[in-house]
Every structure is written in C-alpha cells, then in structure tokens.
Amino acid sequence: MKNSISIIIAFIASFISFEASAQTADSLKTATIKVANLHCNNDMPTIKKQLQNQEGIEEIAFTEINGDKSVFTISYHTSAINQEQIEKAIEATPGCDDSASRPYKVKKETNRKKKNQ
C-alpha cells in the first residue's frame, strides 16, 4: 500500500514539475511591426536603441522610411517579453528631436486587412 501511494505521489510531483517547466518554456519569435509618425532618418535608430534596452530582444532590423512609416522586424524571447510589451516600448520611445515627446505610433492591422490575406 505504501509503495502504491509513493508511486502516485512521485507521478503527481513529476507532472507538476513538467507543467511548471512548460509554462516557462522559451521560444524565439519574430514580430513585424509597422511604426508611424517618423520624420527623419534618426527615428529608426532611436527606436532600435530603446528596444535593445528591453530584456529578451534578440535582433532588430528596420526598413527605410516610406512616407512617415517604417517596418521593424524584431526577434525576441517569449520567456522575457511579448509583442504587446514591445509595441508599448516603441510608443514610449522619446522623440529623437524632443525627449519630452512620444511621437511614435504602432500601426495595427485592421480585421478587414487580415481577412484579405
């Protein structure tokens, strides 16, 4: 009887530790984020520098300004940061000309655009 109880307890303990490790599993994801309200070529490096200060960011690339927008491609570790936090960090970045301003805006896709793809 004691052996079967010990086996059950060991099984439950291993299951709980497996669940805990699954919740903290890390994967490398890539987000493509459109950023608007850019006015000069210094804006993208300013945003990149802000993102490099965030824990979990692996790699950052961006396109040249097209109109007032640029596309950032960001690789990040899911155990440390998520896309929503990255977007908030972008929008919290001080402007390159005025450190009191927060001019950058993440452009989210509308449901209509998502359906057409």
PDB file of N, CA and C in Angstrom:
ATOM      1  N   MET A   1       0.828  -1.198   0.000  1.00  0.00           N
ATOM      2  CA  MET A   1       0.000   0.000   0.000  1.00  0.00           C
ATOM      3  C   MET A   1       0.870   1.259   0.000  1.00  0.00           C
ATOM      4  N   LYS A   2       1.917   1.242   0.869  1.00  0.00           N
ATOM      5  CA  LYS A   2       2.803   2.394   0.932  1.00  0.00           C
ATOM      6  C   LYS A   2       3.517   2.604  -0.393  1.00  0.00           C
ATOM      7  N   ASN A   3       3.877   1.511  -1.082  1.00  0.00           N
ATOM      8  CA  ASN A   3       4.552   1.629  -2.374  1.00  0.00           C
ATOM      9  C   ASN A   3       3.642   2.276  -3.417  1.00  0.00           C
ATOM     10  N   SER A   4       2.372   1.905  -3.456  1.00  0.00           N
ATOM     11  CA  SER A   4       1.479   2.498  -4.444  1.00  0.00           C
ATOM     12  C   SER A   4       1.212   3.963  -4.138  1.00  0.00           C
ATOM     13  N   ILE A   5       1.151   4.333  -2.882  1.00  0.00           N
ATOM     14  CA  ILE A   5       0.981   5.740  -2.529  1.00  0.00           C
ATOM     15  C   ILE A   5       2.229   6.527  -2.924  1.00  0.00           C
ATOM     16  N   SER A   6       3.395   5.958  -2.689  1.00  0.00           N
ATOM     17  CA  SER A   6       4.653   6.605  -3.065  1.00  0.00           C
ATOM     18  C   SER A   6       4.735   6.794  -4.572  1.00  0.00           C
ATOM     19  N   ILE A   7       4.294   5.790  -5.315  1.00  0.00           N
ATOM     20  CA  ILE A   7       4.314   5.878  -6.781  1.00  0.00           C
ATOM     21  C   ILE A   7       3.354   6.967  -7.248  1.00  0.00           C
ATOM     22  N   ILE A   8       2.187   7.035  -6.672  1.00  0.00           N
ATOM     23  CA  ILE A   8       1.202   8.065  -7.043  1.00  0.00           C
ATOM     24  C   ILE A   8       1.746   9.448  -6.720  1.00  0.00           C
ATOM     25  N   ILE A   9       2.327   9.614  -5.550  1.00  0.00           N
ATOM     26  CA  ILE A   9       2.889  10.916  -5.162  1.00  0.00           C
ATOM     27  C   ILE A   9       4.024  11.300  -6.107  1.00  0.00           C
ATOM     28  N   ALA A  10       4.897  10.363  -6.455  1.00  0.00           N
ATOM     29  CA  ALA A  10       6.003  10.636  -7.371  1.00  0.00           C
ATOM     30  C   ALA A  10       5.467  11.041  -8.748  1.00  0.00           C
ATOM     31  N   PHE A  11       4.426  10.347  -9.216  1.00  0.00           N
ATOM     32  CA  PHE A  11       3.826  10.666 -10.509  1.00  0.00           C
ATOM     33  C   PHE A  11       3.244  12.081 -10.502  1.00  0.00           C
ATOM     34  N   ILE A  12       2.505  12.412  -9.459  1.00  0.00           N
ATOM     35  CA  ILE A  12       1.898  13.752  -9.347  1.00  0.00           C
ATOM     36  C   ILE A  12       2.989  14.816  -9.283  1.00  0.00           C
ATOM     37  N   ALA A  13       4.038  14.578  -8.514  1.00  0.00           N
ATOM     38  CA  ALA A  13       5.140  15.547  -8.403  1.00  0.00           C
ATOM     39  C   ALA A  13       5.822  15.750  -9.738  1.00  0.00           C
ATOM     40  N   SER A  14       6.055  14.679 -10.492  1.00  0.00           N
ATOM     41  CA  SER A  14       6.704  14.836 -11.805  1.00  0.00           C
ATOM     42  C   SER A  14       5.791  15.566 -12.781  1.00  0.00           C
ATOM     43  N   PHE A  15       4.483  15.317 -12.697  1.00  0.00           N
ATOM     44  CA  PHE A  15       3.536  16.016 -13.565  1.00  0.00           C
ATOM     45  C   PHE A  15       3.516  17.509 -13.254  1.00  0.00           C
ATOM     46  N   ILE A  16       3.518  17.866 -11.983  1.00  0.00           N
ATOM     47  CA  ILE A  16       3.511  19.278 -11.578  1.00  0.00           C
ATOM     48  C   ILE A  16       4.794  19.963 -12.046  1.00  0.00           C
ATOM     49  N   SER A  17       5.947  19.311 -11.899  1.00  0.00           N
ATOM     50  CA  SER A  17       7.201  19.945 -12.341  1.00  0.00           C
ATOM     51  C   SER A  17       7.236  20.068 -13.853  1.00  0.00           C
ATOM     52  N   PHE A  18       6.649  19.108 -14.591  1.00  0.00           N
ATOM     53  CA  PHE A  18       6.565  19.206 -16.046  1.00  0.00           C
ATOM     54  C   PHE A  18       5.707  20.399 -16.453  1.00  0.00           C
ATOM     55  N   GLU A  19       4.566  20.582 -15.798  1.00  0.00           N
ATOM     56  CA  GLU A  19       3.690  21.724 -16.079  1.00  0.00           C
ATOM     57  C   GLU A  19       4.401  23.043 -15.806  1.00  0.00           C
ATOM     58  N   ALA A  20       5.138  23.126 -14.726  1.00  0.00           N
ATOM     59  CA  ALA A  20       5.854  24.360 -14.375  1.00  0.00           C
ATOM     60  C   ALA A  20       6.921  24.666 -15.412  1.00  0.00           C
ATOM     61  N   SER A  21       7.641  23.650 -15.878  1.00  0.00           N
ATOM     62  CA  SER A  21       8.674  23.903 -16.876  1.00  0.00           C
ATOM     63  C   SER A  21       8.058  24.261 -18.222  1.00  0.00           C
ATOM     64  N   ALA A  22       6.902  23.720 -18.551  1.00  0.00           N
ATOM     65  CA  ALA A  22       6.233  24.045 -19.810  1.00  0.00           C
ATOM     66  C   ALA A  22       5.776  25.501 -19.822  1.00  0.00           C
ATOM     67  N   GLN A  23       5.393  26.023 -18.664  1.00  0.00           N
ATOM     68  CA  GLN A  23       4.937  27.405 -18.597  1.00  0.00           C
ATOM     69  C   GLN A  23       6.083  28.392 -18.783  1.00  0.00           C
ATOM     70  N   THR A  24       7.296  28.008 -18.415  1.00  0.00           N
ATOM     71  CA  THR A  24       8.430  28.910 -18.544  1.00  0.00           C
ATOM     72  C   THR A  24       9.257  28.614 -19.784  1.00  0.00           C
ATOM     73  N   ALA A  25       8.761  27.746 -20.657  1.00  0.00           N
ATOM     74  CA  ALA A  25       9.491  27.404 -21.875  1.00  0.00           C
ATOM     75  C   ALA A  25       9.721  28.656 -22.707  1.00  0.00           C
ATOM     76  N   ASP A  26      10.890  28.706 -23.283  1.00  0.00           N
ATOM     77  CA  ASP A  26      11.259  29.865 -24.077  1.00  0.00           C
ATOM     78  C   ASP A  26      11.267  29.483 -25.545  1.00  0.00           C
ATOM     79  N   SER A  27      10.796  30.388 -26.363  1.00  0.00           N
ATOM     80  CA  SER A  27      10.939  30.209 -27.802  1.00  0.00           C
ATOM     81  C   SER A  27      11.306  31.560 -28.395  1.00  0.00           C
ATOM     82  N   LEU A  28      11.933  31.506 -29.537  1.00  0.00           N
ATOM     83  CA  LEU A  28      12.321  32.716 -30.238  1.00  0.00           C
ATOM     84  C   LEU A  28      11.249  33.014 -31.274  1.00  0.00           C
ATOM     85  N   LYS A  29      10.622  34.173 -31.164  1.00  0.00           N
ATOM     86  CA  LYS A  29       9.585  34.590 -32.106  1.00  0.00           C
ATOM     87  C   LYS A  29      10.057  35.824 -32.858  1.00  0.00           C
ATOM     88  N   THR A  30       9.427  36.069 -33.983  1.00  0.00           N
ATOM     89  CA  THR A  30       9.714  37.261 -34.764  1.00  0.00           C
ATOM     90  C   THR A  30       8.418  38.031 -34.981  1.00  0.00           C
ATOM     91  N   ALA A  31       8.464  39.315 -34.683  1.00  0.00           N
ATOM     92  CA  ALA A  31       7.311  40.197 -34.890  1.00  0.00           C
ATOM     93  C   ALA A  31       7.649  41.198 -35.980  1.00  0.00           C
ATOM     94  N   THR A  32       6.691  41.466 -36.836  1.00  0.00           N
ATOM     95  CA  THR A  32       6.821  42.513 -37.842  1.00  0.00           C
ATOM     96  C   THR A  32       5.861  43.621 -37.437  1.00  0.00           C
ATOM     97  N   ILE A  33       6.425  44.782 -37.110  1.00  0.00           N
ATOM     98  CA  ILE A  33       5.634  45.876 -36.552  1.00  0.00           C
ATOM     99  C   ILE A  33       5.811  47.125 -37.391  1.00  0.00           C
ATOM    100  N   LYS A  34       4.686  47.682 -37.856  1.00  0.00           N
ATOM    101  CA  LYS A  34       4.719  48.938 -38.604  1.00  0.00           C
ATOM    102  C   LYS A  34       4.666  50.094 -37.614  1.00  0.00           C
ATOM    103  N   VAL A  35       5.593  51.025 -37.785  1.00  0.00           N
ATOM    104  CA  VAL A  35       5.653  52.182 -36.900  1.00  0.00           C
ATOM    105  C   VAL A  35       5.451  53.442 -37.740  1.00  0.00           C
ATOM    106  N   ALA A  36       4.545  54.300 -37.286  1.00  0.00           N
ATOM    107  CA  ALA A  36       4.222  55.533 -37.995  1.00  0.00           C
ATOM    108  C   ALA A  36       4.681  56.743 -37.195  1.00  0.00           C
ATOM    109  N   ASN A  37       4.568  57.888 -37.849  1.00  0.00           N
ATOM    110  CA  ASN A  37       4.899  59.189 -37.271  1.00  0.00           C
ATOM    111  C   ASN A  37       6.413  59.391 -37.181  1.00  0.00           C
ATOM    112  N   LEU A  38       7.114  58.834 -38.178  1.00  0.00           N
ATOM    113  CA  LEU A  38       8.556  59.025 -38.275  1.00  0.00           C
ATOM    114  C   LEU A  38       8.817  60.227 -39.176  1.00  0.00           C
ATOM    115  N   HIS A  39       9.795  61.036 -38.789  1.00  0.00           N
ATOM    116  CA  HIS A  39      10.020  62.275 -39.538  1.00  0.00           C
ATOM    117  C   HIS A  39      11.422  62.424 -40.109  1.00  0.00           C
ATOM    118  N   CYS A  40      12.384  61.631 -39.596  1.00  0.00           N
ATOM    119  CA  CYS A  40      13.743  61.740 -40.114  1.00  0.00           C
ATOM    120  C   CYS A  40      14.440  60.396 -40.001  1.00  0.00           C
ATOM    121  N   ASN A  41      15.615  60.289 -40.590  1.00  0.00           N
ATOM    122  CA  ASN A  41      16.348  59.025 -40.575  1.00  0.00           C
ATOM    123  C   ASN A  41      16.892  58.655 -39.200  1.00  0.00           C
ATOM    124  N   ASN A  42      16.848  59.555 -38.240  1.00  0.00           N
ATOM    125  CA  ASN A  42      17.307  59.242 -36.888  1.00  0.00           C
ATOM    126  C   ASN A  42      16.236  58.547 -36.051  1.00  0.00           C
ATOM    127  N   ASP A  43      14.991  58.574 -36.504  1.00  0.00           N
ATOM    128  CA  ASP A  43      13.903  57.973 -35.730  1.00  0.00           C
ATOM    129  C   ASP A  43      14.069  56.464 -35.571  1.00  0.00           C
ATOM    130  N   MET A  44      14.400  55.757 -36.648  1.00  0.00           N
ATOM    131  CA  MET A  44      14.512  54.296 -36.561  1.00  0.00           C
ATOM    132  C   MET A  44      15.643  53.868 -35.619  1.00  0.00           C
ATOM    133  N   PRO A  45      16.850  54.448 -35.711  1.00  0.00           N
ATOM    134  CA  PRO A  45      17.887  54.083 -34.740  1.00  0.00           C
ATOM    135  C   PRO A  45      17.512  54.426 -33.292  1.00  0.00           C
ATOM    136  N   THR A  46      16.749  55.487 -33.104  1.00  0.00           N
ATOM    137  CA  THR A  46      16.288  55.854 -31.763  1.00  0.00           C
ATOM    138  C   THR A  46      15.384  54.761 -31.201  1.00  0.00           C
ATOM    139  N   ILE A  47      14.457  54.279 -32.019  1.00  0.00           N
ATOM    140  CA  ILE A  47      13.555  53.201 -31.599  1.00  0.00           C
ATOM    141  C   ILE A  47      14.350  51.918 -31.375  1.00  0.00           C
ATOM    142  N   LYS A  48      15.285  51.624 -32.278  1.00  0.00           N
ATOM    143  CA  LYS A  48      16.102  50.417 -32.137  1.00  0.00           C
ATOM    144  C   LYS A  48      16.871  50.430 -30.815  1.00  0.00           C
ATOM    145  N   LYS A  49      17.438  51.576 -30.468  1.00  0.00           N
ATOM    146  CA  LYS A  49      18.188  51.690 -29.211  1.00  0.00           C
ATOM    147  C   LYS A  49      17.266  51.431 -28.018  1.00  0.00           C
ATOM    148  N   GLN A  50      16.048  51.970 -28.061  1.00  0.00           N
ATOM    149  CA  GLN A  50      15.068  51.743 -26.985  1.00  0.00           C
ATOM    150  C   GLN A  50      14.766  50.250 -26.855  1.00  0.00           C
ATOM    151  N   LEU A  51      14.599  49.576 -27.985  1.00  0.00           N
ATOM    152  CA  LEU A  51      14.271  48.153 -27.959  1.00  0.00           C
ATOM    153  C   LEU A  51      15.445  47.308 -27.475  1.00  0.00           C
ATOM    154  N   GLN A  52      16.655  47.706 -27.820  1.00  0.00           N
ATOM    155  CA  GLN A  52      17.833  46.955 -27.383  1.00  0.00           C
ATOM    156  C   GLN A  52      17.969  46.973 -25.863  1.00  0.00           C
ATOM    157  N   ASN A  53      17.388  47.953 -25.214  1.00  0.00           N
ATOM    158  CA  ASN A  53      17.425  48.037 -23.748  1.00  0.00           C
ATOM    159  C   ASN A  53      16.381  47.142 -23.082  1.00  0.00           C
ATOM    160  N   GLN A  54      15.517  46.512 -23.876  1.00  0.00           N
ATOM    161  CA  GLN A  54      14.475  45.634 -23.335  1.00  0.00           C
ATOM    162  C   GLN A  54      15.021  44.216 -23.202  1.00  0.00           C
ATOM    163  N   GLU A  55      14.775  43.600 -22.065  1.00  0.00           N
ATOM    164  CA  GLU A  55      15.216  42.223 -21.862  1.00  0.00           C
ATOM    165  C   GLU A  55      14.473  41.290 -22.811  1.00  0.00           C
ATOM    166  N   GLY A  56      15.187  40.372 -23.419  1.00  0.00           N
ATOM    167  CA  GLY A  56      14.581  39.369 -24.285  1.00  0.00           C
ATOM    168  C   GLY A  56      14.636  39.688 -25.764  1.00  0.00           C
ATOM    169  N   ILE A  57      15.048  40.889 -26.123  1.00  0.00           N
ATOM    170  CA  ILE A  57      15.154  41.256 -27.538  1.00  0.00           C
ATOM    171  C   ILE A  57      16.442  40.661 -28.089  1.00  0.00           C
ATOM    172  N   GLU A  58      16.324  39.914 -29.172  1.00  0.00           N
ATOM    173  CA  GLU A  58      17.472  39.238 -29.776  1.00  0.00           C
ATOM    174  C   GLU A  58      18.038  40.027 -30.951  1.00  0.00           C
ATOM    175  N   GLU A  59      17.170  40.448 -31.867  1.00  0.00           N
ATOM    176  CA  GLU A  59      17.634  41.109 -33.093  1.00  0.00           C
ATOM    177  C   GLU A  59      16.582  42.094 -33.572  1.00  0.00           C
ATOM    178  N   ILE A  60      17.045  43.212 -34.159  1.00  0.00           N
ATOM    179  CA  ILE A  60      16.147  44.259 -34.640  1.00  0.00           C
ATOM    180  C   ILE A  60      16.632  44.723 -36.009  1.00  0.00           C
ATOM    181  N   ALA A  61      15.714  44.761 -36.957  1.00  0.00           N
ATOM    182  CA  ALA A  61      16.000  45.314 -38.280  1.00  0.00           C
ATOM    183  C   ALA A  61      14.852  46.241 -38.644  1.00  0.00           C
ATOM    184  N   PHE A  62      15.132  47.223 -39.512  1.00  0.00           N
ATOM    185  CA  PHE A  62      14.060  48.129 -39.932  1.00  0.00           C
ATOM    186  C   PHE A  62      14.275  48.550 -41.373  1.00  0.00           C
ATOM    187  N   THR A  63      13.174  48.971 -42.000  1.00  0.00           N
ATOM    188  CA  THR A  63      13.232  49.446 -43.376  1.00  0.00           C
ATOM    189  C   THR A  63      13.431  50.956 -43.379  1.00  0.00           C
ATOM    190  N   GLU A  64      13.768  51.482 -44.534  1.00  0.00           N
ATOM    191  CA  GLU A  64      13.849  52.935 -44.698  1.00  0.00           C
ATOM    192  C   GLU A  64      12.448  53.530 -44.537  1.00  0.00           C
ATOM    193  N   ILE A  65      12.394  54.814 -44.240  1.00  0.00           N
ATOM    194  CA  ILE A  65      11.100  55.497 -44.112  1.00  0.00           C
ATOM    195  C   ILE A  65      10.393  55.492 -45.462  1.00  0.00           C
ATOM    196  N   ASN A  66       9.124  55.136 -45.431  1.00  0.00           N
ATOM    197  CA  ASN A  66       8.264  55.205 -46.602  1.00  0.00           C
ATOM    198  C   ASN A  66       7.077  56.065 -46.191  1.00  0.00           C
ATOM    199  N   GLY A  67       7.041  57.307 -46.650  1.00  0.00           N
ATOM    200  CA  GLY A  67       6.049  58.269 -46.158  1.00  0.00           C
ATOM    201  C   GLY A  67       6.472  58.680 -44.769  1.00  0.00           C
ATOM    202  N   ASP A  68       5.706  58.283 -43.773  1.00  0.00           N
ATOM    203  CA  ASP A  68       6.109  58.529 -42.379  1.00  0.00           C
ATOM    204  C   ASP A  68       6.190  57.217 -41.600  1.00  0.00           C
ATOM    205  N   LYS A  69       6.334  56.089 -42.349  1.00  0.00           N
ATOM    206  CA  LYS A  69       6.310  54.769 -41.712  1.00  0.00           C
ATOM    207  C   LYS A  69       7.588  53.983 -41.983  1.00  0.00           C
ATOM    208  N   SER A  70       7.851  53.033 -41.104  1.00  0.00           N
ATOM    209  CA  SER A  70       8.924  52.062 -41.275  1.00  0.00           C
ATOM    210  C   SER A  70       8.419  50.738 -40.714  1.00  0.00           C
ATOM    211  N   VAL A  71       8.995  49.657 -41.186  1.00  0.00           N
ATOM    212  CA  VAL A  71       8.630  48.330 -40.693  1.00  0.00           C
ATOM    213  C   VAL A  71       9.820  47.780 -39.907  1.00  0.00           C
ATOM    214  N   PHE A  72       9.553  47.410 -38.670  1.00  0.00           N
ATOM    215  CA  PHE A  72      10.564  46.813 -37.800  1.00  0.00           C
ATOM    216  C   PHE A  72      10.323  45.311 -37.748  1.00  0.00           C
ATOM    217  N   THR A  73      11.392  44.560 -37.860  1.00  0.00           N
ATOM    218  CA  THR A  73      11.347  43.113 -37.695  1.00  0.00           C
ATOM    219  C   THR A  73      12.162  42.803 -36.445  1.00  0.00           C
ATOM    220  N   ILE A  74      11.509  42.241 -35.446  1.00  0.00           N
ATOM    221  CA  ILE A  74      12.109  42.074 -34.128  1.00  0.00           C
ATOM    222  C   ILE A  74      12.019  40.612 -33.708  1.00  0.00           C
ATOM    223  N   SER A  75      13.184  40.022 -33.409  1.00  0.00           N
ATOM    224  CA  SER A  75      13.235  38.672 -32.853  1.00  0.00           C
ATOM    225  C   SER A  75      13.356  38.798 -31.342  1.00  0.00           C
ATOM    226  N   TYR A  76      12.542  38.015 -30.623  1.00  0.00           N
ATOM    227  CA  TYR A  76      12.529  38.144 -29.170  1.00  0.00           C
ATOM    228  C   TYR A  76      12.258  36.801 -28.503  1.00  0.00           C
ATOM    229  N   HIS A  77      12.675  36.708 -27.246  1.00  0.00           N
ATOM    230  CA  HIS A  77      12.454  35.507 -26.442  1.00  0.00           C
ATOM    231  C   HIS A  77      11.139  35.642 -25.689  1.00  0.00           C
ATOM    232  N   THR A  78      10.255  34.673 -25.901  1.00  0.00           N
ATOM    233  CA  THR A  78       8.925  34.733 -25.301  1.00  0.00           C
ATOM    234  C   THR A  78       8.925  34.595 -23.789  1.00  0.00           C
ATOM    235  N   SER A  79       9.993  34.055 -23.228  1.00  0.00           N
ATOM    236  CA  SER A  79      10.045  33.926 -21.768  1.00  0.00           C
ATOM    237  C   SER A  79      10.322  35.263 -21.087  1.00  0.00           C
ATOM    238  N   ALA A  80      10.811  36.254 -21.867  1.00  0.00           N
ATOM    239  CA  ALA A  80      11.188  37.539 -21.279  1.00  0.00           C
ATOM    240  C   ALA A  80      10.285  38.694 -21.690  1.00  0.00           C
ATOM    241  N   ILE A  81       9.691  38.627 -22.883  1.00  0.00           N
ATOM    242  CA  ILE A  81       8.915  39.765 -23.405  1.00  0.00           C
ATOM    243  C   ILE A  81       7.908  39.239 -24.421  1.00  0.00           C
ATOM    244  N   ASN A  82       6.841  40.006 -24.646  1.00  0.00           N
ATOM    245  CA  ASN A  82       5.865  39.633 -25.670  1.00  0.00           C
ATOM    246  C   ASN A  82       5.659  40.802 -26.629  1.00  0.00           C
ATOM    247  N   GLN A  83       4.903  40.572 -27.683  1.00  0.00           N
ATOM    248  CA  GLN A  83       4.733  41.596 -28.708  1.00  0.00           C
ATOM    249  C   GLN A  83       4.054  42.849 -28.158  1.00  0.00           C
ATOM    250  N   GLU A  84       3.095  42.685 -27.290  1.00  0.00           N
ATOM    251  CA  GLU A  84       2.412  43.844 -26.713  1.00  0.00           C
ATOM    252  C   GLU A  84       3.391  44.728 -25.938  1.00  0.00           C
ATOM    253  N   GLN A  85       4.293  44.110 -25.183  1.00  0.00           N
ATOM    254  CA  GLN A  85       5.297  44.881 -24.438  1.00  0.00           C
ATOM    255  C   GLN A  85       6.262  45.586 -25.392  1.00  0.00           C
ATOM    256  N   ILE A  86       6.592  44.930 -26.491  1.00  0.00           N
ATOM    257  CA  ILE A  86       7.472  45.545 -27.494  1.00  0.00           C
ATOM    258  C   ILE A  86       6.794  46.769 -28.095  1.00  0.00           C
ATOM    259  N   GLU A  87       5.520  46.633 -28.440  1.00  0.00           N
ATOM    260  CA  GLU A  87       4.773  47.752 -29.018  1.00  0.00           C
ATOM    261  C   GLU A  87       4.685  48.916 -28.031  1.00  0.00           C
ATOM    262  N   LYS A  88       4.472  48.614 -26.762  1.00  0.00           N
ATOM    263  CA  LYS A  88       4.430  49.671 -25.739  1.00  0.00           C
ATOM    264  C   LYS A  88       5.791  50.358 -25.609  1.00  0.00           C
ATOM    265  N   ALA A  89       6.875  49.581 -25.700  1.00  0.00           N
ATOM    266  CA  ALA A  89       8.214  50.167 -25.624  1.00  0.00           C
ATOM    267  C   ALA A  89       8.467  51.106 -26.802  1.00  0.00           C
ATOM    268  N   ILE A  90       7.986  50.717 -27.976  1.00  0.00           N
ATOM    269  CA  ILE A  90       8.139  51.585 -29.156  1.00  0.00           C
ATOM    270  C   ILE A  90       7.403  52.898 -28.928  1.00  0.00           C
ATOM    271  N   GLU A  91       6.157  52.821 -28.482  1.00  0.00           N
ATOM    272  CA  GLU A  91       5.358  54.030 -28.289  1.00  0.00           C
ATOM    273  C   GLU A  91       5.838  54.869 -27.101  1.00  0.00           C
ATOM    274  N   ALA A  92       6.624  54.284 -26.212  1.00  0.00           N
ATOM    275  CA  ALA A  92       7.183  55.023 -25.072  1.00  0.00           C
ATOM    276  C   ALA A  92       8.543  55.640 -25.402  1.00  0.00           C
ATOM    277  N   THR A  93       9.030  55.412 -26.604  1.00  0.00           N
ATOM    278  CA  THR A  93      10.332  55.940 -27.007  1.00  0.00           C
ATOM    279  C   THR A  93      10.261  57.449 -27.173  1.00  0.00           C
ATOM    280  N   PRO A  94      11.166  58.184 -26.537  1.00  0.00           N
ATOM    281  CA  PRO A  94      11.200  59.640 -26.722  1.00  0.00           C
ATOM    282  C   PRO A  94      11.588  59.985 -28.158  1.00  0.00           C
ATOM    283  N   GLY A  95      11.039  61.084 -28.655  1.00  0.00           N
ATOM    284  CA  GLY A  95      11.381  61.546 -29.995  1.00  0.00           C
ATOM    285  C   GLY A  95      12.853  61.891 -30.084  1.00  0.00           C
ATOM    286  N   CYS A  96      13.440  61.731 -31.270  1.00  0.00           N
ATOM    287  CA  CYS A  96      14.878  61.991 -31.401  1.00  0.00           C
ATOM    288  C   CYS A  96      15.183  63.490 -31.327  1.00  0.00           C
ATOM    289  N   ASP A  97      14.208  64.351 -31.618  1.00  0.00           N
ATOM    290  CA  ASP A  97      14.412  65.803 -31.536  1.00  0.00           C
ATOM    291  C   ASP A  97      13.951  66.395 -30.214  1.00  0.00           C
ATOM    292  N   ASP A  98      12.958  65.753 -29.584  1.00  0.00           N
ATOM    293  CA  ASP A  98      12.379  66.272 -28.352  1.00  0.00           C
ATOM    294  C   ASP A  98      12.165  65.109 -27.382  1.00  0.00           C
ATOM    295  N   SER A  99      13.016  65.014 -26.381  1.00  0.00           N
ATOM    296  CA  SER A  99      12.943  63.879 -25.462  1.00  0.00           C
ATOM    297  C   SER A  99      11.680  63.874 -24.604  1.00  0.00           C
ATOM    298  N   ALA A 100      10.929  64.965 -24.592  1.00  0.00           N
ATOM    299  CA  ALA A 100       9.681  65.010 -23.830  1.00  0.00           C
ATOM    300  C   ALA A 100       8.500  64.458 -24.638  1.00  0.00           C
ATOM    301  N   SER A 101       8.672  64.324 -25.951  1.00  0.00           N
ATOM    302  CA  SER A 101       7.572  63.834 -26.786  1.00  0.00           C
ATOM    303  C   SER A 101       7.640  62.322 -26.946  1.00  0.00           C
ATOM    304  N   ARG A 102       6.515  61.723 -27.247  1.00  0.00           N
ATOM    305  CA  ARG A 102       6.402  60.299 -27.533  1.00  0.00           C
ATOM    306  C   ARG A 102       5.645  60.172 -28.862  1.00  0.00           C
ATOM    307  N   PRO A 103       6.331  60.492 -29.976  1.00  0.00           N
ATOM    308  CA  PRO A 103       5.625  60.620 -31.256  1.00  0.00           C
ATOM    309  C   PRO A 103       5.321  59.316 -31.991  1.00  0.00           C
ATOM    310  N   TYR A 104       6.005  58.238 -31.676  1.00  0.00           N
ATOM    311  CA  TYR A 104       5.914  57.029 -32.491  1.00  0.00           C
ATOM    312  C   TYR A 104       4.660  56.227 -32.173  1.00  0.00           C
ATOM    313  N   LYS A 105       4.001  55.759 -33.227  1.00  0.00           N
ATOM    314  CA  LYS A 105       2.747  55.012 -33.072  1.00  0.00           C
ATOM    315  C   LYS A 105       2.829  53.694 -33.839  1.00  0.00           C
ATOM    316  N   VAL A 106       2.449  52.623 -33.181  1.00  0.00           N
ATOM    317  CA  VAL A 106       2.385  51.317 -33.816  1.00  0.00           C
ATOM    318  C   VAL A 106       1.103  51.253 -34.630  1.00  0.00           C
ATOM    319  N   LYS A 107       1.236  50.867 -35.884  1.00  0.00           N
ATOM    320  CA  LYS A 107       0.084  50.721 -36.771  1.00  0.00           C
ATOM    321  C   LYS A 107      -0.378  49.281 -36.720  1.00  0.00           C
ATOM    322  N   LYS A 108      -1.582  49.076 -36.209  1.00  0.00           N
ATOM    323  CA  LYS A 108      -2.140  47.725 -36.112  1.00  0.00           C
ATOM    324  C   LYS A 108      -2.965  47.442 -37.358  1.00  0.00           C
ATOM    325  N   GLU A 109      -2.910  46.169 -37.786  1.00  0.00           N
ATOM    326  CA  GLU A 109      -3.715  45.777 -38.935  1.00  0.00           C
ATOM    327  C   GLU A 109      -5.172  45.699 -38.525  1.00  0.00           C
ATOM    328  N   THR A 110      -6.037  46.123 -39.410  1.00  0.00           N
ATOM    329  CA  THR A 110      -7.463  46.003 -39.146  1.00  0.00           C
ATOM    330  C   THR A 110      -7.922  44.594 -39.483  1.00  0.00           C
ATOM    331  N   ASN A 111      -9.062  44.196 -38.954  1.00  0.00           N
ATOM    332  CA  ASN A 111      -9.614  42.868 -39.242  1.00  0.00           C
ATOM    333  C   ASN A 111      -9.858  42.693 -40.720  1.00  0.00           C
ATOM    334  N   ARG A 112     -10.231  43.749 -41.415  1.00  0.00           N
ATOM    335  CA  ARG A 112     -10.508  43.685 -42.849  1.00  0.00           C
ATOM    336  C   ARG A 112      -9.245  43.298 -43.614  1.00  0.00           C
ATOM    337  N   LYS A 113      -8.104  43.895 -43.263  1.00  0.00           N
ATOM    338  CA  LYS A 113      -6.848  43.569 -43.936  1.00  0.00           C
ATOM    339  C   LYS A 113      -6.435  42.142 -43.635  1.00  0.00           C
ATOM    340  N   LYS A 114      -6.635  41.677 -42.410  1.00  0.00           N
ATOM    341  CA  LYS A 114      -6.273  40.317 -42.038  1.00  0.00           C
ATOM    342  C   LYS A 114      -7.092  39.295 -42.833  1.00  0.00           C
ATOM    343  N   LYS A 115      -8.389  39.576 -43.051  1.00  0.00           N
ATOM    344  CA  LYS A 115      -9.254  38.654 -43.762  1.00  0.00           C
ATOM    345  C   LYS A 115      -8.856  38.537 -45.229  1.00  0.00           C
ATOM    346  N   ASN A 116      -8.351  39.628 -45.825  1.00  0.00           N
ATOM    347  CA  ASN A 116      -8.000  39.639 -47.233  1.00  0.00           C
ATOM    348  C   ASN A 116      -6.709  38.894 -47.513  1.00  0.00           C
ATOM    349  N   GLN A 117      -5.927  38.582 -46.508  1.00  0.00           N
ATOM    350  CA  GLN A 117      -4.639  37.913 -46.740  1.00  0.00           C
ATOM    351  C   GLN A 117      -4.770  36.437 -46.838  1.00  0.00           C
TER     352      GLN A 117
END
